[in-house]
């Protein structure tokens, strides 16, 4: 199964996009060609599982389902192959409007940024500024790489429910999914803190040069899923 940038879904590349519609593009309507034409705004990528700050944008009401076959446009060989393999099987993904995403980031900041530590709070702040400036009118988390795993939707629901505890001034559950993401961040934060918390942008889209300089001790690079180019995370 191929992803939208030519890699295999086995690489588990996930994407956070600025989107024009409150849903993922529909391959049965031929919408992927327009989505990939360079007019969709910013795109970030991550590996294996959404990073913490991506989760912070969404709630359980934002969970949607899309048909696996429709990750490719109808009329293509890829669409026909996916339809033959998966039929009408679906996978979960997340989408919300920009204003709701920003409201969640603000509400959840005390419960998340404080646990990241003072040095890394700037990542939260700059990610929120990026979401306000570059993600809209909708924010789309594309998770087709996780298609076929029946455990994904329940885990999405648990993670989002855990985050919603913060919206009313509560705390995430000890040992819960969000707590696990934070613990993992602290375990590996000396590698690529920006990558771990928020993924990477293509070229200089994310993070900013100023943020790279502040976190220069965590210098690293990650290979971008777009066209095989290298995305610089930190210098």
C-alpha atoms as a PDB file:
ATOM      1  CA  UNK A   1       0.000   0.000   0.000  1.00  0.00           C
ATOM      2  CA  UNK A   2       1.465   3.357  -1.040  1.00  0.00           C
ATOM      3  CA  UNK A   3       1.185   6.587   0.873  1.00  0.00           C
ATOM      4  CA  UNK A   4       0.584   9.988  -0.670  1.00  0.00           C
ATOM      5  CA  UNK A   5       4.313  10.694  -1.045  1.00  0.00           C
ATOM      6  CA  UNK A   6       5.381   7.468  -2.724  1.00  0.00           C
ATOM      7  CA  UNK A   7       6.613   5.538   0.306  1.00  0.00           C
ATOM      8  CA  UNK A   8       5.131   2.359   1.686  1.00  0.00           C
ATOM      9  CA  UNK A   9       2.602   2.477   4.472  1.00  0.00           C
ATOM     10  CA  UNK A  10       4.795  -0.017   6.339  1.00  0.00           C
ATOM     11  CA  UNK A  11       7.094   2.950   7.073  1.00  0.00           C
ATOM     12  CA  UNK A  12       4.243   4.328   9.249  1.00  0.00           C
ATOM     13  CA  UNK A  13       4.552   7.932   8.156  1.00  0.00           C
ATOM     14  CA  UNK A  14       1.803  10.147   9.530  1.00  0.00           C
ATOM     15  CA  UNK A  15       0.981  13.668   8.327  1.00  0.00           C
ATOM     16  CA  UNK A  16      -0.535  16.793   9.851  1.00  0.00           C
ATOM     17  CA  UNK A  17      -1.973  19.067   7.181  1.00  0.00           C
ATOM     18  CA  UNK A  18      -3.695  22.352   6.696  1.00  0.00           C
ATOM     19  CA  UNK A  19      -6.874  21.382   4.829  1.00  0.00           C
ATOM     20  CA  UNK A  20      -9.613  23.142   2.893  1.00  0.00           C
ATOM     21  CA  UNK A  21     -12.396  20.733   3.903  1.00  0.00           C
ATOM     22  CA  UNK A  22     -13.481  19.260   7.244  1.00  0.00           C
ATOM     23  CA  UNK A  23     -12.495  15.766   6.095  1.00  0.00           C
ATOM     24  CA  UNK A  24      -9.745  13.865   4.381  1.00  0.00           C
ATOM     25  CA  UNK A  25      -9.699  13.989   0.556  1.00  0.00           C
ATOM     26  CA  UNK A  26     -12.035  11.428  -1.024  1.00  0.00           C
ATOM     27  CA  UNK A  27     -10.351   9.274  -3.642  1.00  0.00           C
ATOM     28  CA  UNK A  28     -13.711   8.116  -4.996  1.00  0.00           C
ATOM     29  CA  UNK A  29     -14.297  11.767  -5.979  1.00  0.00           C
ATOM     30  CA  UNK A  30     -10.771  12.214  -7.375  1.00  0.00           C
ATOM     31  CA  UNK A  31      -9.785  14.744  -4.713  1.00  0.00           C
ATOM     32  CA  UNK A  32      -6.196  13.671  -4.013  1.00  0.00           C
ATOM     33  CA  UNK A  33      -4.788  15.303  -7.151  1.00  0.00           C
ATOM     34  CA  UNK A  34      -5.952  18.701  -5.932  1.00  0.00           C
ATOM     35  CA  UNK A  35      -4.787  18.061  -2.385  1.00  0.00           C
ATOM     36  CA  UNK A  36      -1.226  17.376  -3.511  1.00  0.00           C
ATOM     37  CA  UNK A  37      -0.951  20.333  -5.894  1.00  0.00           C
ATOM     38  CA  UNK A  38       0.981  22.495  -3.440  1.00  0.00           C
ATOM     39  CA  UNK A  39      -1.930  24.738  -2.470  1.00  0.00           C
ATOM     40  CA  UNK A  40      -2.906  22.964   0.750  1.00  0.00           C
ATOM     41  CA  UNK A  41      -0.595  24.914   3.045  1.00  0.00           C
ATOM     42  CA  UNK A  42       1.820  23.433   5.509  1.00  0.00           C
ATOM     43  CA  UNK A  43       2.431  19.741   6.159  1.00  0.00           C
ATOM     44  CA  UNK A  44       4.278  18.135   9.069  1.00  0.00           C
ATOM     45  CA  UNK A  45       5.230  14.492   9.320  1.00  0.00           C
ATOM     46  CA  UNK A  46       5.974  12.006  12.081  1.00  0.00           C
ATOM     47  CA  UNK A  47       6.750   8.318  12.395  1.00  0.00           C
ATOM     48  CA  UNK A  48       4.771   5.455  13.893  1.00  0.00           C
ATOM     49  CA  UNK A  49       2.359   7.407  16.122  1.00  0.00           C
ATOM     50  CA  UNK A  50       1.133  11.020  16.414  1.00  0.00           C
ATOM     51  CA  UNK A  51       3.395  13.145  18.640  1.00  0.00           C
ATOM     52  CA  UNK A  52       2.065  14.839  21.754  1.00  0.00           C
ATOM     53  CA  UNK A  53       1.418  18.300  20.307  1.00  0.00           C
ATOM     54  CA  UNK A  54      -0.567  16.866  17.400  1.00  0.00           C
ATOM     55  CA  UNK A  55      -2.849  15.109  19.867  1.00  0.00           C
ATOM     56  CA  UNK A  56      -3.303  18.374  21.752  1.00  0.00           C
ATOM     57  CA  UNK A  57      -5.218  19.821  18.780  1.00  0.00           C
ATOM     58  CA  UNK A  58      -8.066  17.304  18.834  1.00  0.00           C
ATOM     59  CA  UNK A  59     -10.960  15.859  20.825  1.00  0.00           C
ATOM     60  CA  UNK A  60     -13.042  12.713  20.554  1.00  0.00           C
ATOM     61  CA  UNK A  61     -15.659  14.534  18.450  1.00  0.00           C
ATOM     62  CA  UNK A  62     -13.001  14.992  15.754  1.00  0.00           C
ATOM     63  CA  UNK A  63     -12.571  11.266  15.127  1.00  0.00           C
ATOM     64  CA  UNK A  64     -13.688  10.242  11.635  1.00  0.00           C
ATOM     65  CA  UNK A  65     -13.547   7.166   9.401  1.00  0.00           C
ATOM     66  CA  UNK A  66     -12.473   6.979   5.755  1.00  0.00           C
ATOM     67  CA  UNK A  67     -12.303   4.097   3.320  1.00  0.00           C
ATOM     68  CA  UNK A  68      -8.802   2.687   2.878  1.00  0.00           C
ATOM     69  CA  UNK A  69      -9.273   2.379  -0.888  1.00  0.00           C
ATOM     70  CA  UNK A  70      -9.996   6.102  -1.092  1.00  0.00           C
ATOM     71  CA  UNK A  71      -6.464   7.066  -0.060  1.00  0.00           C
ATOM     72  CA  UNK A  72      -5.882   6.955  -3.845  1.00  0.00           C
ATOM     73  CA  UNK A  73      -7.941   8.527  -6.602  1.00  0.00           C
ATOM     74  CA  UNK A  74     -10.516   6.451  -8.453  1.00  0.00           C
ATOM     75  CA  UNK A  75      -9.325   5.408 -11.899  1.00  0.00           C
ATOM     76  CA  UNK A  76      -5.760   4.720 -10.778  1.00  0.00           C
ATOM     77  CA  UNK A  77      -4.137   1.311 -10.509  1.00  0.00           C
ATOM     78  CA  UNK A  78      -3.457   1.997  -6.836  1.00  0.00           C
ATOM     79  CA  UNK A  79      -7.141   2.640  -6.094  1.00  0.00           C
ATOM     80  CA  UNK A  80      -8.156  -0.557  -7.855  1.00  0.00           C
ATOM     81  CA  UNK A  81      -5.569  -2.565  -5.928  1.00  0.00           C
ATOM     82  CA  UNK A  82      -6.640  -1.115  -2.593  1.00  0.00           C
ATOM     83  CA  UNK A  83     -10.312  -1.713  -3.359  1.00  0.00           C
ATOM     84  CA  UNK A  84      -9.547  -5.328  -4.252  1.00  0.00           C
ATOM     85  CA  UNK A  85      -7.538  -5.835  -1.072  1.00  0.00           C
ATOM     86  CA  UNK A  86      -9.629  -3.870   1.439  1.00  0.00           C
ATOM     87  CA  UNK A  87     -13.091  -3.479  -0.056  1.00  0.00           C
ATOM     88  CA  UNK A  88     -15.083  -1.016   2.067  1.00  0.00           C
ATOM     89  CA  UNK A  89     -12.817  -1.331   5.134  1.00  0.00           C
ATOM     90  CA  UNK A  90     -12.101   1.964   6.878  1.00  0.00           C
ATOM     91  CA  UNK A  91      -9.458   3.523   9.104  1.00  0.00           C
ATOM     92  CA  UNK A  92      -9.759   6.291  11.747  1.00  0.00           C
ATOM     93  CA  UNK A  93      -8.353   9.781  11.313  1.00  0.00           C
ATOM     94  CA  UNK A  94      -8.760  13.190  12.949  1.00  0.00           C
ATOM     95  CA  UNK A  95      -9.923  16.554  11.619  1.00  0.00           C
ATOM     96  CA  UNK A  96     -11.065  19.768  13.290  1.00  0.00           C
ATOM     97  CA  UNK A  97     -11.490  23.441  12.498  1.00  0.00           C
ATOM     98  CA  UNK A  98      -8.639  25.784  13.282  1.00  0.00           C
ATOM     99  CA  UNK A  99     -10.451  27.753  15.988  1.00  0.00           C
ATOM    100  CA  UNK A 100     -11.273  24.604  17.965  1.00  0.00           C
ATOM    101  CA  UNK A 101      -7.688  23.376  17.625  1.00  0.00           C
ATOM    102  CA  UNK A 102      -6.301  26.664  18.944  1.00  0.00           C
ATOM    103  CA  UNK A 103      -8.769  26.721  21.825  1.00  0.00           C
ATOM    104  CA  UNK A 104      -7.630  23.240  22.874  1.00  0.00           C
ATOM    105  CA  UNK A 105      -3.976  24.208  22.692  1.00  0.00           C
ATOM    106  CA  UNK A 106      -4.656  27.165  25.001  1.00  0.00           C
ATOM    107  CA  UNK A 107      -6.754  25.157  27.447  1.00  0.00           C
ATOM    108  CA  UNK A 108      -4.281  22.283  27.614  1.00  0.00           C
ATOM    109  CA  UNK A 109      -1.123  24.326  27.891  1.00  0.00           C
ATOM    110  CA  UNK A 110      -0.939  24.378  31.728  1.00  0.00           C
ATOM    111  CA  UNK A 111      -1.347  20.625  31.938  1.00  0.00           C
ATOM    112  CA  UNK A 112       1.146  19.801  29.189  1.00  0.00           C
ATOM    113  CA  UNK A 113       3.794  22.513  28.843  1.00  0.00           C
ATOM    114  CA  UNK A 114       4.550  22.446  32.555  1.00  0.00           C
ATOM    115  CA  UNK A 115       5.385  18.768  32.387  1.00  0.00           C
ATOM    116  CA  UNK A 116       7.721  19.240  29.439  1.00  0.00           C
ATOM    117  CA  UNK A 117      10.024  21.493  31.453  1.00  0.00           C
ATOM    118  CA  UNK A 118      10.946  25.146  31.039  1.00  0.00           C
ATOM    119  CA  UNK A 119      13.466  24.489  28.292  1.00  0.00           C
ATOM    120  CA  UNK A 120      10.916  22.786  26.059  1.00  0.00           C
ATOM    121  CA  UNK A 121       7.938  25.002  26.779  1.00  0.00           C
ATOM    122  CA  UNK A 122       9.091  27.138  23.848  1.00  0.00           C
ATOM    123  CA  UNK A 123       8.305  24.238  21.505  1.00  0.00           C
ATOM    124  CA  UNK A 124       4.701  24.301  22.713  1.00  0.00           C
ATOM    125  CA  UNK A 125       4.470  28.068  22.274  1.00  0.00           C
ATOM    126  CA  UNK A 126       5.930  28.095  18.781  1.00  0.00           C
ATOM    127  CA  UNK A 127       3.829  25.133  17.689  1.00  0.00           C
ATOM    128  CA  UNK A 128       0.704  26.998  18.824  1.00  0.00           C
ATOM    129  CA  UNK A 129       1.846  30.056  16.845  1.00  0.00           C
ATOM    130  CA  UNK A 130       2.442  27.849  13.797  1.00  0.00           C
ATOM    131  CA  UNK A 131      -1.039  26.352  14.101  1.00  0.00           C
ATOM    132  CA  UNK A 132      -2.555  29.825  14.231  1.00  0.00           C
ATOM    133  CA  UNK A 133      -0.556  31.158  11.285  1.00  0.00           C
ATOM    134  CA  UNK A 134      -0.417  28.191   8.928  1.00  0.00           C
ATOM    135  CA  UNK A 135      -3.094  25.574   9.718  1.00  0.00           C
ATOM    136  CA  UNK A 136      -6.531  26.421   8.481  1.00  0.00           C
ATOM    137  CA  UNK A 137      -9.352  26.547   7.858  1.00  0.00           C
ATOM    138  CA  UNK A 138      -9.112  22.911   9.038  1.00  0.00           C
ATOM    139  CA  UNK A 139      -6.427  20.784  10.645  1.00  0.00           C
ATOM    140  CA  UNK A 140      -6.193  17.223   9.328  1.00  0.00           C
ATOM    141  CA  UNK A 141      -4.241  14.351  10.868  1.00  0.00           C
ATOM    142  CA  UNK A 142      -3.750  11.720   8.166  1.00  0.00           C
ATOM    143  CA  UNK A 143      -3.285   8.236   9.602  1.00  0.00           C
ATOM    144  CA  UNK A 144      -3.686   5.905   6.613  1.00  0.00           C
ATOM    145  CA  UNK A 145      -0.353   4.322   7.533  1.00  0.00           C
ATOM    146  CA  UNK A 146      -2.116   2.742  10.524  1.00  0.00           C
ATOM    147  CA  UNK A 147      -4.909   1.226   8.397  1.00  0.00           C
ATOM    148  CA  UNK A 148      -5.666  -2.401   9.118  1.00  0.00           C
ATOM    149  CA  UNK A 149      -4.819  -2.260  12.832  1.00  0.00           C
ATOM    150  CA  UNK A 150      -8.057  -2.860  14.751  1.00  0.00           C
ATOM    151  CA  UNK A 151      -6.537  -1.468  17.940  1.00  0.00           C
ATOM    152  CA  UNK A 152      -5.955   2.012  16.568  1.00  0.00           C
ATOM    153  CA  UNK A 153      -9.415   3.505  17.048  1.00  0.00           C
ATOM    154  CA  UNK A 154      -9.753   2.409  20.706  1.00  0.00           C
ATOM    155  CA  UNK A 155      -6.302   3.814  21.428  1.00  0.00           C
ATOM    156  CA  UNK A 156      -7.224   7.080  19.699  1.00  0.00           C
ATOM    157  CA  UNK A 157     -10.360   7.286  21.833  1.00  0.00           C
ATOM    158  CA  UNK A 158      -8.449   6.640  25.062  1.00  0.00           C
ATOM    159  CA  UNK A 159      -5.793   9.222  24.233  1.00  0.00           C
ATOM    160  CA  UNK A 160      -8.308  11.906  23.303  1.00  0.00           C
ATOM    161  CA  UNK A 161     -10.435  11.205  26.392  1.00  0.00           C
ATOM    162  CA  UNK A 162      -7.312  11.545  28.524  1.00  0.00           C
ATOM    163  CA  UNK A 163      -6.535  14.925  26.948  1.00  0.00           C
ATOM    164  CA  UNK A 164     -10.085  16.144  27.468  1.00  0.00           C
ATOM    165  CA  UNK A 165      -9.489  15.917  31.222  1.00  0.00           C
ATOM    166  CA  UNK A 166      -7.266  18.976  30.751  1.00  0.00           C
ATOM    167  CA  UNK A 167     -10.022  21.056  29.164  1.00  0.00           C
ATOM    168  CA  UNK A 168     -11.764  21.470  32.506  1.00  0.00           C
ATOM    169  CA  UNK A 169      -8.554  22.107  34.409  1.00  0.00           C
ATOM    170  CA  UNK A 170      -7.912  18.509  35.416  1.00  0.00           C
ATOM    171  CA  UNK A 171      -4.820  16.375  34.910  1.00  0.00           C
ATOM    172  CA  UNK A 172      -4.108  13.477  32.601  1.00  0.00           C
ATOM    173  CA  UNK A 173      -4.302  10.038  34.183  1.00  0.00           C
ATOM    174  CA  UNK A 174      -1.164   8.643  35.805  1.00  0.00           C
ATOM    175  CA  UNK A 175       0.061   5.834  33.610  1.00  0.00           C
ATOM    176  CA  UNK A 176      -2.433   6.773  30.886  1.00  0.00           C
ATOM    177  CA  UNK A 177      -1.690   7.267  27.180  1.00  0.00           C
ATOM    178  CA  UNK A 178      -0.763  10.963  27.457  1.00  0.00           C
ATOM    179  CA  UNK A 179       1.383  10.334  30.509  1.00  0.00           C
ATOM    180  CA  UNK A 180       3.129   7.658  28.445  1.00  0.00           C
ATOM    181  CA  UNK A 181       3.872  10.126  25.649  1.00  0.00           C
ATOM    182  CA  UNK A 182       5.361  12.575  28.150  1.00  0.00           C
ATOM    183  CA  UNK A 183       7.483   9.892  29.809  1.00  0.00           C
ATOM    184  CA  UNK A 184       8.788   8.779  26.412  1.00  0.00           C
ATOM    185  CA  UNK A 185       9.615  12.375  25.536  1.00  0.00           C
ATOM    186  CA  UNK A 186      11.726  12.807  28.649  1.00  0.00           C
ATOM    187  CA  UNK A 187      13.460   9.508  27.992  1.00  0.00           C
ATOM    188  CA  UNK A 188      14.553  10.570  24.493  1.00  0.00           C
ATOM    189  CA  UNK A 189      14.456  14.380  24.647  1.00  0.00           C
ATOM    190  CA  UNK A 190      18.217  14.781  24.156  1.00  0.00           C
ATOM    191  CA  UNK A 191      17.917  13.364  20.635  1.00  0.00           C
ATOM    192  CA  UNK A 192      15.391  15.516  18.702  1.00  0.00           C
ATOM    193  CA  UNK A 193      12.974  17.283  21.050  1.00  0.00           C
ATOM    194  CA  UNK A 194      11.093  19.094  18.284  1.00  0.00           C
ATOM    195  CA  UNK A 195      10.674  15.895  16.271  1.00  0.00           C
ATOM    196  CA  UNK A 196       9.481  13.991  19.340  1.00  0.00           C
ATOM    197  CA  UNK A 197       6.920  16.618  20.328  1.00  0.00           C
ATOM    198  CA  UNK A 198       5.653  17.904  16.993  1.00  0.00           C
ATOM    199  CA  UNK A 199       7.139  16.139  13.972  1.00  0.00           C
ATOM    200  CA  UNK A 200       9.033  17.860  11.177  1.00  0.00           C
ATOM    201  CA  UNK A 201       8.260  20.187   8.302  1.00  0.00           C
ATOM    202  CA  UNK A 202       9.729  20.107   4.820  1.00  0.00           C
ATOM    203  CA  UNK A 203      12.661  22.464   4.381  1.00  0.00           C
ATOM    204  CA  UNK A 204      12.431  25.407   6.785  1.00  0.00           C
ATOM    205  CA  UNK A 205       8.679  25.159   7.361  1.00  0.00           C
ATOM    206  CA  UNK A 206       9.152  23.833  10.906  1.00  0.00           C
ATOM    207  CA  UNK A 207      10.882  24.379  13.274  1.00  0.00           C
ATOM    208  CA  UNK A 208      11.963  28.006  13.019  1.00  0.00           C
ATOM    209  CA  UNK A 209      15.627  28.966  12.919  1.00  0.00           C
ATOM    210  CA  UNK A 210      15.273  30.665  16.310  1.00  0.00           C
ATOM    211  CA  UNK A 211      13.873  27.522  17.882  1.00  0.00           C
ATOM    212  CA  UNK A 212      16.633  25.414  16.321  1.00  0.00           C
ATOM    213  CA  UNK A 213      19.220  27.709  17.858  1.00  0.00           C
ATOM    214  CA  UNK A 214      17.644  27.553  21.321  1.00  0.00           C
ATOM    215  CA  UNK A 215      17.594  23.790  21.212  1.00  0.00           C
ATOM    216  CA  UNK A 216      20.905  23.321  19.427  1.00  0.00           C
ATOM    217  CA  UNK A 217      22.034  20.803  22.038  1.00  0.00           C
ATOM    218  CA  UNK A 218      19.476  18.385  20.634  1.00  0.00           C
ATOM    219  CA  UNK A 219      20.714  18.664  17.049  1.00  0.00           C
ATOM    220  CA  UNK A 220      19.601  15.972  14.629  1.00  0.00           C
ATOM    221  CA  UNK A 221      18.113  15.254  11.241  1.00  0.00           C
ATOM    222  CA  UNK A 222      15.248  13.154  10.007  1.00  0.00           C
ATOM    223  CA  UNK A 223      14.528  11.951   6.527  1.00  0.00           C
ATOM    224  CA  UNK A 224      11.432  13.574   5.053  1.00  0.00           C
ATOM    225  CA  UNK A 225       8.729  11.432   3.490  1.00  0.00           C
ATOM    226  CA  UNK A 226       8.206  13.964   0.701  1.00  0.00           C
ATOM    227  CA  UNK A 227      10.219  13.097  -2.392  1.00  0.00           C
ATOM    228  CA  UNK A 228      13.054  11.632  -0.324  1.00  0.00           C
ATOM    229  CA  UNK A 229      14.266  15.105   0.685  1.00  0.00           C
ATOM    230  CA  UNK A 230      15.978  15.686   4.023  1.00  0.00           C
ATOM    231  CA  UNK A 231      14.210  17.882   6.552  1.00  0.00           C
ATOM    232  CA  UNK A 232      16.459  19.753   8.951  1.00  0.00           C
ATOM    233  CA  UNK A 233      15.109  19.595  12.486  1.00  0.00           C
ATOM    234  CA  UNK A 234      17.783  21.281  14.538  1.00  0.00           C
ATOM    235  CA  UNK A 235      21.244  22.664  13.881  1.00  0.00           C
END
